[in-house]
Protein backbone atom coordinates (compact mmCIF):
# COMPACT_ATOMS: atom_id res chain seq x y z
CA UNK A 1 0.00 0.00 0.00
CA UNK A 2 1.53 3.35 -0.99
CA UNK A 3 2.43 5.73 1.81
CA UNK A 4 0.26 8.85 2.00
CA UNK A 5 2.20 11.99 1.12
CA UNK A 6 2.48 14.51 3.94
CA UNK A 7 1.21 17.92 2.98
CA UNK A 8 2.27 21.31 4.27
CA UNK A 9 0.51 24.63 3.75
CA UNK A 10 2.62 27.68 2.92
CA UNK A 11 1.41 31.27 3.12
CA UNK A 12 1.63 32.95 -0.27
CA UNK A 13 1.62 36.73 -0.59
CA UNK A 14 0.61 38.36 -3.86
CA UNK A 15 3.05 40.92 -5.26
CA UNK A 16 0.37 43.61 -5.46
CA UNK A 17 -0.36 43.14 -1.72
CA UNK A 18 3.27 43.38 -0.58
CA UNK A 19 3.35 47.02 0.59
CA UNK A 20 0.04 46.60 2.47
CA UNK A 21 1.36 43.34 3.95
CA UNK A 22 4.47 45.09 5.26
CA UNK A 23 2.26 47.79 6.74
CA UNK A 24 0.16 45.45 8.88
CA UNK A 25 2.69 42.92 10.18
CA UNK A 26 4.24 43.26 13.64
CA UNK A 27 7.55 41.62 12.69
CA UNK A 28 8.51 43.93 9.83
CA UNK A 29 12.16 43.89 10.94
CA UNK A 30 12.29 40.14 10.22
CA UNK A 31 10.69 40.37 6.77
CA UNK A 32 12.28 40.80 3.35
CA UNK A 33 12.28 44.34 1.96
CA UNK A 34 10.90 43.37 -1.43
CA UNK A 35 8.38 40.84 -2.70
CA UNK A 36 10.97 39.54 -5.16
CA UNK A 37 13.40 38.73 -2.31
CA UNK A 38 10.61 37.09 -0.31
CA UNK A 39 9.36 35.14 -3.34
CA UNK A 40 12.84 33.79 -4.10
CA UNK A 41 13.15 32.49 -0.51
CA UNK A 42 9.58 31.15 -0.68
CA UNK A 43 10.32 29.17 -3.85
CA UNK A 44 13.59 27.84 -2.41
CA UNK A 45 11.81 26.54 0.70
CA UNK A 46 8.90 25.18 -1.35
CA UNK A 47 11.25 23.28 -3.67
CA UNK A 48 13.22 21.95 -0.69
CA UNK A 49 10.02 20.63 0.92
CA UNK A 50 8.92 19.03 -2.37
CA UNK A 51 12.33 17.36 -2.76
CA UNK A 52 11.90 15.95 0.77
CA UNK A 53 8.64 14.33 -0.30
CA UNK A 54 6.07 16.84 0.94
CA UNK A 55 3.06 18.02 -0.99
CA UNK A 56 3.11 21.82 -0.74
CA UNK A 57 -0.19 23.67 -0.75
CA UNK A 58 0.02 27.39 -1.52
CA UNK A 59 -2.45 29.36 0.60
CA UNK A 60 -2.97 32.86 -0.73
CA UNK A 61 -3.12 35.27 2.21
CA UNK A 62 -6.11 37.62 2.31
CA UNK A 63 -4.76 40.51 4.38
CA UNK A 64 -8.18 41.52 5.71
CA UNK A 65 -8.92 37.97 6.87
CA UNK A 66 -5.46 37.67 8.40
CA UNK A 67 -5.88 40.91 10.35
CA UNK A 68 -9.36 39.89 11.51
CA UNK A 69 -8.10 36.45 12.55
CA UNK A 70 -5.29 37.96 14.64
CA UNK A 71 -7.58 40.56 16.24
CA UNK A 72 -10.12 37.87 17.16
CA UNK A 73 -7.39 35.86 18.89
CA UNK A 74 -5.69 38.89 20.44
CA UNK A 75 -2.35 38.03 18.84
CA UNK A 76 0.26 39.99 16.92
CA UNK A 77 0.43 39.64 13.14
CA UNK A 78 3.77 37.84 13.08
CA UNK A 79 5.26 34.74 11.51
CA UNK A 80 3.75 32.41 14.09
CA UNK A 81 0.27 33.91 13.61
CA UNK A 82 0.57 33.78 9.81
CA UNK A 83 1.52 30.12 10.03
CA UNK A 84 -1.44 29.34 12.30
CA UNK A 85 -3.75 31.29 9.96
CA UNK A 86 -2.85 29.26 6.88
CA UNK A 87 -3.09 25.95 8.75
CA UNK A 88 -6.68 26.73 9.81
PDB file of N, CA and C in Angstrom:
ATOM      1  N   UNK A   1       0.846  -1.185   0.000  1.00  0.00           N
ATOM      2  CA  UNK A   1       0.000   0.000   0.000  1.00  0.00           C
ATOM      3  C   UNK A   1       0.889   1.245   0.000  1.00  0.00           C
ATOM      4  N   UNK A   2       0.676   2.159  -0.942  1.00  0.00           N
ATOM      5  CA  UNK A   2       1.530   3.350  -0.993  1.00  0.00           C
ATOM      6  C   UNK A   2       1.345   4.229   0.237  1.00  0.00           C
ATOM      7  N   UNK A   3       2.461   4.845   0.657  1.00  0.00           N
ATOM      8  CA  UNK A   3       2.427   5.732   1.810  1.00  0.00           C
ATOM      9  C   UNK A   3       1.789   7.062   1.405  1.00  0.00           C
ATOM     10  N   UNK A   4       0.917   7.579   2.271  1.00  0.00           N
ATOM     11  CA  UNK A   4       0.259   8.852   2.001  1.00  0.00           C
ATOM     12  C   UNK A   4       1.286   9.976   2.106  1.00  0.00           C
ATOM     13  N   UNK A   5       1.272  10.862   1.127  1.00  0.00           N
ATOM     14  CA  UNK A   5       2.195  11.989   1.122  1.00  0.00           C
ATOM     15  C   UNK A   5       1.768  13.003   2.182  1.00  0.00           C
ATOM     16  N   UNK A   6       2.740  13.458   2.955  1.00  0.00           N
ATOM     17  CA  UNK A   6       2.478  14.506   3.942  1.00  0.00           C
ATOM     18  C   UNK A   6       2.348  15.836   3.200  1.00  0.00           C
ATOM     19  N   UNK A   7       1.364  16.618   3.618  1.00  0.00           N
ATOM     20  CA  UNK A   7       1.211  17.918   2.981  1.00  0.00           C
ATOM     21  C   UNK A   7       1.519  19.021   3.985  1.00  0.00           C
ATOM     22  N   UNK A   8       1.959  20.143   3.447  1.00  0.00           N
ATOM     23  CA  UNK A   8       2.268  21.312   4.267  1.00  0.00           C
ATOM     24  C   UNK A   8       1.696  22.527   3.543  1.00  0.00           C
ATOM     25  N   UNK A   9       1.085  23.407   4.321  1.00  0.00           N
ATOM     26  CA  UNK A   9       0.513  24.631   3.752  1.00  0.00           C
ATOM     27  C   UNK A   9       1.517  25.758   3.937  1.00  0.00           C
ATOM     28  N   UNK A  10       1.713  26.536   2.871  1.00  0.00           N
ATOM     29  CA  UNK A  10       2.617  27.680   2.923  1.00  0.00           C
ATOM     30  C   UNK A  10       1.854  28.945   2.565  1.00  0.00           C
ATOM     31  N   UNK A  11       2.052  29.976   3.378  1.00  0.00           N
ATOM     32  CA  UNK A  11       1.415  31.268   3.121  1.00  0.00           C
ATOM     33  C   UNK A  11       2.032  31.908   1.891  1.00  0.00           C
ATOM     34  N   UNK A  12       1.177  32.288   0.955  1.00  0.00           N
ATOM     35  CA  UNK A  12       1.635  32.949  -0.267  1.00  0.00           C
ATOM     36  C   UNK A  12       1.095  34.370  -0.309  1.00  0.00           C
ATOM     37  N   UNK A  13       1.991  35.321  -0.499  1.00  0.00           N
ATOM     38  CA  UNK A  13       1.619  36.733  -0.591  1.00  0.00           C
ATOM     39  C   UNK A  13       1.682  37.187  -2.038  1.00  0.00           C
ATOM     40  N   UNK A  14       0.628  37.841  -2.498  1.00  0.00           N
ATOM     41  CA  UNK A  14       0.612  38.365  -3.863  1.00  0.00           C
ATOM     42  C   UNK A  14       1.490  39.609  -3.933  1.00  0.00           C
ATOM     43  N   UNK A  15       2.139  39.785  -5.084  1.00  0.00           N
ATOM     44  CA  UNK A  15       3.046  40.925  -5.263  1.00  0.00           C
ATOM     45  C   UNK A  15       2.326  42.248  -5.056  1.00  0.00           C
ATOM     46  N   UNK A  16       1.090  42.342  -5.570  1.00  0.00           N
ATOM     47  CA  UNK A  16       0.365  43.610  -5.459  1.00  0.00           C
ATOM     48  C   UNK A  16      -0.066  43.930  -4.021  1.00  0.00           C
ATOM     49  N   UNK A  17      -0.003  42.932  -3.127  1.00  0.00           N
ATOM     50  CA  UNK A  17      -0.364  43.144  -1.716  1.00  0.00           C
ATOM     51  C   UNK A  17       0.843  43.426  -0.829  1.00  0.00           C
ATOM     52  N   UNK A  18       2.047  43.364  -1.398  1.00  0.00           N
ATOM     53  CA  UNK A  18       3.266  43.378  -0.584  1.00  0.00           C
ATOM     54  C   UNK A  18       3.379  44.607   0.322  1.00  0.00           C
ATOM     55  N   UNK A  19       3.200  45.810  -0.228  1.00  0.00           N
ATOM     56  CA  UNK A  19       3.350  47.019   0.593  1.00  0.00           C
ATOM     57  C   UNK A  19       2.314  47.052   1.722  1.00  0.00           C
ATOM     58  N   UNK A  20       1.075  46.664   1.426  1.00  0.00           N
ATOM     59  CA  UNK A  20       0.044  46.601   2.468  1.00  0.00           C
ATOM     60  C   UNK A  20       0.406  45.549   3.511  1.00  0.00           C
ATOM     61  N   UNK A  21       0.925  44.413   3.052  1.00  0.00           N
ATOM     62  CA  UNK A  21       1.357  43.343   3.946  1.00  0.00           C
ATOM     63  C   UNK A  21       2.404  43.865   4.928  1.00  0.00           C
ATOM     64  N   UNK A  22       3.420  44.550   4.390  1.00  0.00           N
ATOM     65  CA  UNK A  22       4.469  45.091   5.263  1.00  0.00           C
ATOM     66  C   UNK A  22       3.911  46.089   6.259  1.00  0.00           C
ATOM     67  N   UNK A  23       2.855  46.789   5.865  1.00  0.00           N
ATOM     68  CA  UNK A  23       2.262  47.793   6.735  1.00  0.00           C
ATOM     69  C   UNK A  23       1.457  47.235   7.895  1.00  0.00           C
ATOM     70  N   UNK A  24       0.998  45.991   7.797  1.00  0.00           N
ATOM     71  CA  UNK A  24       0.162  45.448   8.877  1.00  0.00           C
ATOM     72  C   UNK A  24       0.887  44.468   9.794  1.00  0.00           C
ATOM     73  N   UNK A  25       2.040  43.938   9.352  1.00  0.00           N
ATOM     74  CA  UNK A  25       2.689  42.919  10.176  1.00  0.00           C
ATOM     75  C   UNK A  25       3.450  43.546  11.346  1.00  0.00           C
ATOM     76  N   UNK A  26       3.563  42.782  12.434  1.00  0.00           N
ATOM     77  CA  UNK A  26       4.243  43.259  13.640  1.00  0.00           C
ATOM     78  C   UNK A  26       5.715  42.850  13.686  1.00  0.00           C
ATOM     79  N   UNK A  27       6.153  42.066  12.716  1.00  0.00           N
ATOM     80  CA  UNK A  27       7.552  41.622  12.689  1.00  0.00           C
ATOM     81  C   UNK A  27       8.248  42.101  11.413  1.00  0.00           C
ATOM     82  N   UNK A  28       7.956  43.347  11.058  1.00  0.00           N
ATOM     83  CA  UNK A  28       8.505  43.935   9.833  1.00  0.00           C
ATOM     84  C   UNK A  28      10.023  43.801   9.768  1.00  0.00           C
ATOM     85  N   UNK A  29      10.688  43.948  10.907  1.00  0.00           N
ATOM     86  CA  UNK A  29      12.155  43.888  10.937  1.00  0.00           C
ATOM     87  C   UNK A  29      12.692  42.517  10.522  1.00  0.00           C
ATOM     88  N   UNK A  30      11.860  41.494  10.591  1.00  0.00           N
ATOM     89  CA  UNK A  30      12.286  40.139  10.219  1.00  0.00           C
ATOM     90  C   UNK A  30      11.880  39.763   8.795  1.00  0.00           C
ATOM     91  N   UNK A  31      11.238  40.683   8.089  1.00  0.00           N
ATOM     92  CA  UNK A  31      10.694  40.367   6.767  1.00  0.00           C
ATOM     93  C   UNK A  31      11.596  40.942   5.675  1.00  0.00           C
ATOM     94  N   UNK A  32      11.539  40.309   4.511  1.00  0.00           N
ATOM     95  CA  UNK A  32      12.284  40.805   3.347  1.00  0.00           C
ATOM     96  C   UNK A  32      11.770  42.185   2.955  1.00  0.00           C
ATOM     97  N   UNK A  33      12.654  42.991   2.373  1.00  0.00           N
ATOM     98  CA  UNK A  33      12.275  44.341   1.957  1.00  0.00           C
ATOM     99  C   UNK A  33      11.404  44.340   0.711  1.00  0.00           C
ATOM    100  N   UNK A  34      11.655  43.389  -0.178  1.00  0.00           N
ATOM    101  CA  UNK A  34      10.897  43.371  -1.434  1.00  0.00           C
ATOM    102  C   UNK A  34      10.184  42.041  -1.608  1.00  0.00           C
ATOM    103  N   UNK A  35       9.109  42.069  -2.381  1.00  0.00           N
ATOM    104  CA  UNK A  35       8.380  40.844  -2.700  1.00  0.00           C
ATOM    105  C   UNK A  35       9.282  39.884  -3.459  1.00  0.00           C
ATOM    106  N   UNK A  36      10.094  40.410  -4.362  1.00  0.00           N
ATOM    107  CA  UNK A  36      10.971  39.540  -5.157  1.00  0.00           C
ATOM    108  C   UNK A  36      11.937  38.759  -4.265  1.00  0.00           C
ATOM    109  N   UNK A  37      12.511  39.425  -3.249  1.00  0.00           N
ATOM    110  CA  UNK A  37      13.402  38.734  -2.306  1.00  0.00           C
ATOM    111  C   UNK A  37      12.622  37.662  -1.535  1.00  0.00           C
ATOM    112  N   UNK A  38      11.442  38.045  -1.049  1.00  0.00           N
ATOM    113  CA  UNK A  38      10.612  37.094  -0.314  1.00  0.00           C
ATOM    114  C   UNK A  38      10.239  35.906  -1.202  1.00  0.00           C
ATOM    115  N   UNK A  39       9.829  36.185  -2.434  1.00  0.00           N
ATOM    116  CA  UNK A  39       9.360  35.137  -3.338  1.00  0.00           C
ATOM    117  C   UNK A  39      10.486  34.163  -3.673  1.00  0.00           C
ATOM    118  N   UNK A  40      11.698  34.663  -3.834  1.00  0.00           N
ATOM    119  CA  UNK A  40      12.841  33.793  -4.104  1.00  0.00           C
ATOM    120  C   UNK A  40      13.052  32.816  -2.936  1.00  0.00           C
ATOM    121  N   UNK A  41      12.994  33.343  -1.705  1.00  0.00           N
ATOM    122  CA  UNK A  41      13.153  32.494  -0.515  1.00  0.00           C
ATOM    123  C   UNK A  41      11.982  31.511  -0.393  1.00  0.00           C
ATOM    124  N   UNK A  42      10.787  31.987  -0.714  1.00  0.00           N
ATOM    125  CA  UNK A  42       9.584  31.152  -0.682  1.00  0.00           C
ATOM    126  C   UNK A  42       9.744  29.961  -1.627  1.00  0.00           C
ATOM    127  N   UNK A  43      10.158  30.242  -2.858  1.00  0.00           N
ATOM    128  CA  UNK A  43      10.318  29.169  -3.852  1.00  0.00           C
ATOM    129  C   UNK A  43      11.414  28.192  -3.447  1.00  0.00           C
ATOM    130  N   UNK A  44      12.493  28.703  -2.863  1.00  0.00           N
ATOM    131  CA  UNK A  44      13.590  27.843  -2.410  1.00  0.00           C
ATOM    132  C   UNK A  44      13.088  26.866  -1.347  1.00  0.00           C
ATOM    133  N   UNK A  45      12.351  27.391  -0.354  1.00  0.00           N
ATOM    134  CA  UNK A  45      11.808  26.536   0.704  1.00  0.00           C
ATOM    135  C   UNK A  45      10.783  25.557   0.138  1.00  0.00           C
ATOM    136  N   UNK A  46       9.920  26.041  -0.740  1.00  0.00           N
ATOM    137  CA  UNK A  46       8.905  25.182  -1.348  1.00  0.00           C
ATOM    138  C   UNK A  46       9.557  24.022  -2.101  1.00  0.00           C
ATOM    139  N   UNK A  47      10.567  24.329  -2.907  1.00  0.00           N
ATOM    140  CA  UNK A  47      11.253  23.283  -3.669  1.00  0.00           C
ATOM    141  C   UNK A  47      11.989  22.309  -2.757  1.00  0.00           C
ATOM    142  N   UNK A  48      12.542  22.814  -1.664  1.00  0.00           N
ATOM    143  CA  UNK A  48      13.216  21.947  -0.692  1.00  0.00           C
ATOM    144  C   UNK A  48      12.210  20.964  -0.081  1.00  0.00           C
ATOM    145  N   UNK A  49      11.050  21.480   0.321  1.00  0.00           N
ATOM    146  CA  UNK A  49      10.023  20.625   0.919  1.00  0.00           C
ATOM    147  C   UNK A  49       9.541  19.570  -0.082  1.00  0.00           C
ATOM    148  N   UNK A  50       9.351  19.971  -1.334  1.00  0.00           N
ATOM    149  CA  UNK A  50       8.919  19.026  -2.373  1.00  0.00           C
ATOM    150  C   UNK A  50       9.977  17.942  -2.560  1.00  0.00           C
ATOM    151  N   UNK A  51      11.253  18.341  -2.572  1.00  0.00           N
ATOM    152  CA  UNK A  51      12.328  17.358  -2.762  1.00  0.00           C
ATOM    153  C   UNK A  51      12.428  16.396  -1.585  1.00  0.00           C
ATOM    154  N   UNK A  52      11.912  16.818  -0.412  1.00  0.00           N
ATOM    155  CA  UNK A  52      11.900  15.950   0.774  1.00  0.00           C
ATOM    156  C   UNK A  52      10.641  15.087   0.836  1.00  0.00           C
ATOM    157  N   UNK A  53       9.795  15.197  -0.214  1.00  0.00           N
ATOM    158  CA  UNK A  53       8.637  14.330  -0.302  1.00  0.00           C
ATOM    159  C   UNK A  53       7.327  14.924   0.174  1.00  0.00           C
ATOM    160  N   UNK A  54       7.305  16.199   0.492  1.00  0.00           N
ATOM    161  CA  UNK A  54       6.068  16.841   0.937  1.00  0.00           C
ATOM    162  C   UNK A  54       5.254  17.334  -0.249  1.00  0.00           C
ATOM    163  N   UNK A  55       3.951  17.339  -0.069  1.00  0.00           N
ATOM    164  CA  UNK A  55       3.056  18.019  -0.992  1.00  0.00           C
ATOM    165  C   UNK A  55       2.891  19.420  -0.424  1.00  0.00           C
ATOM    166  N   UNK A  56       3.203  20.437  -1.211  1.00  0.00           N
ATOM    167  CA  UNK A  56       3.112  21.822  -0.741  1.00  0.00           C
ATOM    168  C   UNK A  56       1.840  22.449  -1.292  1.00  0.00           C
ATOM    169  N   UNK A  57       1.053  23.006  -0.382  1.00  0.00           N
ATOM    170  CA  UNK A  57      -0.194  23.669  -0.753  1.00  0.00           C
ATOM    171  C   UNK A  57      -0.009  25.166  -0.529  1.00  0.00           C
ATOM    172  N   UNK A  58      -0.081  25.933  -1.616  1.00  0.00           N
ATOM    173  CA  UNK A  58       0.020  27.390  -1.518  1.00  0.00           C
ATOM    174  C   UNK A  58      -1.316  27.930  -1.005  1.00  0.00           C
ATOM    175  N   UNK A  59      -1.252  28.729   0.050  1.00  0.00           N
ATOM    176  CA  UNK A  59      -2.454  29.359   0.597  1.00  0.00           C
ATOM    177  C   UNK A  59      -2.291  30.872   0.446  1.00  0.00           C
ATOM    178  N   UNK A  60      -3.054  31.425  -0.492  1.00  0.00           N
ATOM    179  CA  UNK A  60      -2.971  32.863  -0.730  1.00  0.00           C
ATOM    180  C   UNK A  60      -3.525  33.604   0.482  1.00  0.00           C
ATOM    181  N   UNK A  61      -2.733  34.540   0.999  1.00  0.00           N
ATOM    182  CA  UNK A  61      -3.120  35.269   2.208  1.00  0.00           C
ATOM    183  C   UNK A  61      -4.005  36.461   1.847  1.00  0.00           C
ATOM    184  N   UNK A  62      -5.208  36.464   2.405  1.00  0.00           N
ATOM    185  CA  UNK A  62      -6.112  37.615   2.309  1.00  0.00           C
ATOM    186  C   UNK A  62      -5.794  38.479   3.522  1.00  0.00           C
ATOM    187  N   UNK A  63      -5.234  39.663   3.280  1.00  0.00           N
ATOM    188  CA  UNK A  63      -4.764  40.505   4.384  1.00  0.00           C
ATOM    189  C   UNK A  63      -5.869  40.903   5.346  1.00  0.00           C
ATOM    190  N   UNK A  64      -7.068  41.164   4.827  1.00  0.00           N
ATOM    191  CA  UNK A  64      -8.184  41.520   5.713  1.00  0.00           C
ATOM    192  C   UNK A  64      -8.552  40.354   6.622  1.00  0.00           C
ATOM    193  N   UNK A  65      -8.588  39.151   6.059  1.00  0.00           N
ATOM    194  CA  UNK A  65      -8.917  37.967   6.870  1.00  0.00           C
ATOM    195  C   UNK A  65      -7.819  37.673   7.884  1.00  0.00           C
ATOM    196  N   UNK A  66      -6.572  37.880   7.479  1.00  0.00           N
ATOM    197  CA  UNK A  66      -5.456  37.670   8.404  1.00  0.00           C
ATOM    198  C   UNK A  66      -5.552  38.638   9.579  1.00  0.00           C
ATOM    199  N   UNK A  67      -5.786  39.910   9.293  1.00  0.00           N
ATOM    200  CA  UNK A  67      -5.881  40.911  10.354  1.00  0.00           C
ATOM    201  C   UNK A  67      -7.051  40.603  11.284  1.00  0.00           C
ATOM    202  N   UNK A  68      -8.179  40.225  10.707  1.00  0.00           N
ATOM    203  CA  UNK A  68      -9.362  39.893  11.507  1.00  0.00           C
ATOM    204  C   UNK A  68      -9.093  38.672  12.388  1.00  0.00           C
ATOM    205  N   UNK A  69      -8.450  37.661  11.816  1.00  0.00           N
ATOM    206  CA  UNK A  69      -8.096  36.446  12.549  1.00  0.00           C
ATOM    207  C   UNK A  69      -7.235  36.798  13.771  1.00  0.00           C
ATOM    208  N   UNK A  70      -6.205  37.608  13.544  1.00  0.00           N
ATOM    209  CA  UNK A  70      -5.293  37.959  14.640  1.00  0.00           C
ATOM    210  C   UNK A  70      -5.991  38.805  15.702  1.00  0.00           C
ATOM    211  N   UNK A  71      -6.825  39.751  15.269  1.00  0.00           N
ATOM    212  CA  UNK A  71      -7.581  40.561  16.238  1.00  0.00           C
ATOM    213  C   UNK A  71      -8.488  39.680  17.082  1.00  0.00           C
ATOM    214  N   UNK A  72      -9.169  38.727  16.430  1.00  0.00           N
ATOM    215  CA  UNK A  72     -10.117  37.872  17.159  1.00  0.00           C
ATOM    216  C   UNK A  72      -9.416  37.003  18.194  1.00  0.00           C
ATOM    217  N   UNK A  73      -8.150  36.685  17.952  1.00  0.00           N
ATOM    218  CA  UNK A  73      -7.388  35.855  18.885  1.00  0.00           C
ATOM    219  C   UNK A  73      -6.537  36.695  19.832  1.00  0.00           C
ATOM    220  N   UNK A  74      -6.500  38.015  19.593  1.00  0.00           N
ATOM    221  CA  UNK A  74      -5.693  38.889  20.439  1.00  0.00           C
ATOM    222  C   UNK A  74      -4.206  38.649  20.291  1.00  0.00           C
ATOM    223  N   UNK A  75      -3.773  38.325  19.065  1.00  0.00           N
ATOM    224  CA  UNK A  75      -2.354  38.031  18.838  1.00  0.00           C
ATOM    225  C   UNK A  75      -1.770  39.001  17.807  1.00  0.00           C
ATOM    226  N   UNK A  76      -0.444  39.142  17.872  1.00  0.00           N
ATOM    227  CA  UNK A  76       0.256  39.994  16.915  1.00  0.00           C
ATOM    228  C   UNK A  76       0.246  39.335  15.540  1.00  0.00           C
ATOM    229  N   UNK A  77       0.347  40.152  14.504  1.00  0.00           N
ATOM    230  CA  UNK A  77       0.434  39.635  13.140  1.00  0.00           C
ATOM    231  C   UNK A  77       1.918  39.389  12.855  1.00  0.00           C
ATOM    232  N   UNK A  78       2.369  38.203  13.274  1.00  0.00           N
ATOM    233  CA  UNK A  78       3.768  37.839  13.078  1.00  0.00           C
ATOM    234  C   UNK A  78       3.851  36.480  12.387  1.00  0.00           C
ATOM    235  N   UNK A  79       5.061  35.993  12.226  1.00  0.00           N
ATOM    236  CA  UNK A  79       5.262  34.745  11.511  1.00  0.00           C
ATOM    237  C   UNK A  79       4.486  33.582  12.105  1.00  0.00           C
ATOM    238  N   UNK A  80       4.471  33.488  13.420  1.00  0.00           N
ATOM    239  CA  UNK A  80       3.747  32.409  14.088  1.00  0.00           C
ATOM    240  C   UNK A  80       2.245  32.500  13.781  1.00  0.00           C
ATOM    241  N   UNK A  81       1.694  33.708  13.869  1.00  0.00           N
ATOM    242  CA  UNK A  81       0.268  33.911  13.608  1.00  0.00           C
ATOM    243  C   UNK A  81      -0.065  33.620  12.145  1.00  0.00           C
ATOM    244  N   UNK A  82       0.817  34.040  11.221  1.00  0.00           N
ATOM    245  CA  UNK A  82       0.571  33.784   9.807  1.00  0.00           C
ATOM    246  C   UNK A  82       0.579  32.278   9.530  1.00  0.00           C
ATOM    247  N   UNK A  83       1.465  31.573  10.183  1.00  0.00           N
ATOM    248  CA  UNK A  83       1.523  30.123  10.025  1.00  0.00           C
ATOM    249  C   UNK A  83       0.256  29.465  10.550  1.00  0.00           C
ATOM    250  N   UNK A  84      -0.205  29.874  11.732  1.00  0.00           N
ATOM    251  CA  UNK A  84      -1.444  29.344  12.302  1.00  0.00           C
ATOM    252  C   UNK A  84      -2.614  29.640  11.372  1.00  0.00           C
ATOM    253  N   UNK A  85      -2.660  30.859  10.847  1.00  0.00           N
ATOM    254  CA  UNK A  85      -3.746  31.291   9.964  1.00  0.00           C
ATOM    255  C   UNK A  85      -3.870  30.380   8.756  1.00  0.00           C
ATOM    256  N   UNK A  86      -2.758  30.088   8.091  1.00  0.00           N
ATOM    257  CA  UNK A  86      -2.852  29.264   6.876  1.00  0.00           C
ATOM    258  C   UNK A  86      -3.137  27.808   7.194  1.00  0.00           C
ATOM    259  N   UNK A  87      -2.801  27.343   8.392  1.00  0.00           N
ATOM    260  CA  UNK A  87      -3.090  25.953   8.754  1.00  0.00           C
ATOM    261  C   UNK A  87      -4.580  25.756   9.023  1.00  0.00           C
ATOM    262  N   UNK A  88      -5.255  26.812   9.500  1.00  0.00           N
ATOM    263  CA  UNK A  88      -6.680  26.729   9.809  1.00  0.00           C
ATOM    264  C   UNK A  88      -7.452  27.106   8.598  1.00  0.00           C
TER     265      UNK A  88
END
